[in-house]
């Protein structure tokens, strides 16, 4: 029997100047909200620190989705929050 979890990501995202960027994952048909802090957006690539949140997110979206997958599969409580500690790990 295959117990593999199916995770996919919605192409959309929302920007919040107060927090950062939120995006949605789907885990076995259920929506999981994921958010990336403003600090994590800046810390993942300090050379982009002066860019806007959208540009920072799009430049590293694959990295943030990979972190989200790791946290989802680890059973982390929802919503999934990606912080500076996650991008430095």
Protein backbone atom coordinates (compact mmCIF):
# COMPACT_ATOMS: atom_id res chain seq x y z
CA UNK A 1 0.00 0.00 0.00
CA UNK A 2 1.31 3.46 -0.95
CA UNK A 3 1.12 5.99 1.92
CA UNK A 4 2.89 8.77 -0.02
CA UNK A 5 1.36 12.15 0.63
CA UNK A 6 0.53 14.30 -2.38
CA UNK A 7 1.53 17.93 -1.99
CA UNK A 8 0.99 20.58 -4.63
CA UNK A 9 1.16 24.36 -4.60
CA UNK A 10 -1.33 26.93 -5.84
CA UNK A 11 0.38 29.38 -8.23
CA UNK A 12 -1.15 32.37 -6.43
CA UNK A 13 0.15 34.18 -3.36
CA UNK A 14 -0.75 37.16 -1.18
CA UNK A 15 1.53 39.90 0.09
CA UNK A 16 1.17 41.45 3.53
CA UNK A 17 3.50 44.29 4.42
CA UNK A 18 2.96 43.35 8.08
CA UNK A 19 4.10 39.74 7.76
CA UNK A 20 5.45 38.81 4.33
CA UNK A 21 3.99 36.44 1.76
CA UNK A 22 1.35 33.73 2.10
CA UNK A 23 0.74 30.91 -0.34
CA UNK A 24 -1.31 27.73 -0.35
CA UNK A 25 -0.32 24.11 -0.55
CA UNK A 26 -2.68 21.20 -1.04
CA UNK A 27 -2.01 18.05 0.96
CA UNK A 28 -4.10 15.07 -0.09
CA UNK A 29 -6.89 17.43 -1.17
CA UNK A 30 -6.78 19.69 1.91
CA UNK A 31 -5.55 23.31 1.79
CA UNK A 32 -2.55 24.19 3.95
CA UNK A 33 -1.75 27.89 4.36
CA UNK A 34 1.97 28.67 4.30
CA UNK A 35 3.54 32.01 5.11
CA UNK A 36 7.04 33.42 4.72
CA UNK A 37 8.13 36.19 7.09
CA UNK A 38 9.55 39.42 5.71
CA UNK A 39 12.80 38.63 7.50
CA UNK A 40 13.05 35.20 5.85
CA UNK A 41 12.48 36.84 2.46
CA UNK A 42 15.43 39.14 3.11
CA UNK A 43 17.66 36.52 4.73
CA UNK A 44 17.41 33.89 1.98
CA UNK A 45 19.39 36.17 -0.34
CA UNK A 46 20.87 39.26 1.26
CA UNK A 47 21.81 40.62 -2.17
CA UNK A 48 18.06 41.00 -2.85
CA UNK A 49 17.30 42.66 0.50
CA UNK A 50 16.33 45.95 -1.18
CA UNK A 51 13.90 44.27 -3.60
CA UNK A 52 10.17 44.18 -3.00
CA UNK A 53 8.52 41.26 -1.22
CA UNK A 54 7.01 39.89 -4.43
CA UNK A 55 10.35 39.91 -6.25
CA UNK A 56 12.12 38.26 -3.30
CA UNK A 57 9.42 35.59 -3.05
CA UNK A 58 9.35 34.80 -6.76
CA UNK A 59 13.16 34.57 -6.95
CA UNK A 60 13.17 31.88 -4.25
CA UNK A 61 9.70 30.36 -4.43
CA UNK A 62 11.05 26.86 -5.07
CA UNK A 63 13.19 27.13 -1.92
CA UNK A 64 10.22 28.27 0.18
CA UNK A 65 8.03 25.48 -1.22
CA UNK A 66 10.76 22.95 -0.34
CA UNK A 67 10.87 24.24 3.24
CA UNK A 68 7.06 24.07 3.39
CA UNK A 69 7.08 20.45 2.16
CA UNK A 70 9.61 19.51 4.84
CA UNK A 71 7.50 21.15 7.56
CA UNK A 72 4.22 19.65 6.30
CA UNK A 73 5.67 16.14 6.15
CA UNK A 74 7.13 16.59 9.64
CA UNK A 75 3.58 17.22 10.89
CA UNK A 76 4.18 20.82 11.91
CA UNK A 77 1.07 22.66 13.11
CA UNK A 78 -0.76 24.76 10.57
CA UNK A 79 -0.48 27.39 9.28
CA UNK A 80 3.06 26.61 8.17
CA UNK A 81 5.32 29.53 9.07
CA UNK A 82 8.68 29.96 7.36
CA UNK A 83 11.06 32.16 9.33
CA UNK A 84 14.66 33.30 9.10
CA UNK A 85 15.72 30.25 11.12
CA UNK A 86 14.33 28.01 8.37
CA UNK A 87 16.22 29.71 5.54
CA UNK A 88 19.47 29.69 7.51
CA UNK A 89 19.16 25.95 8.32
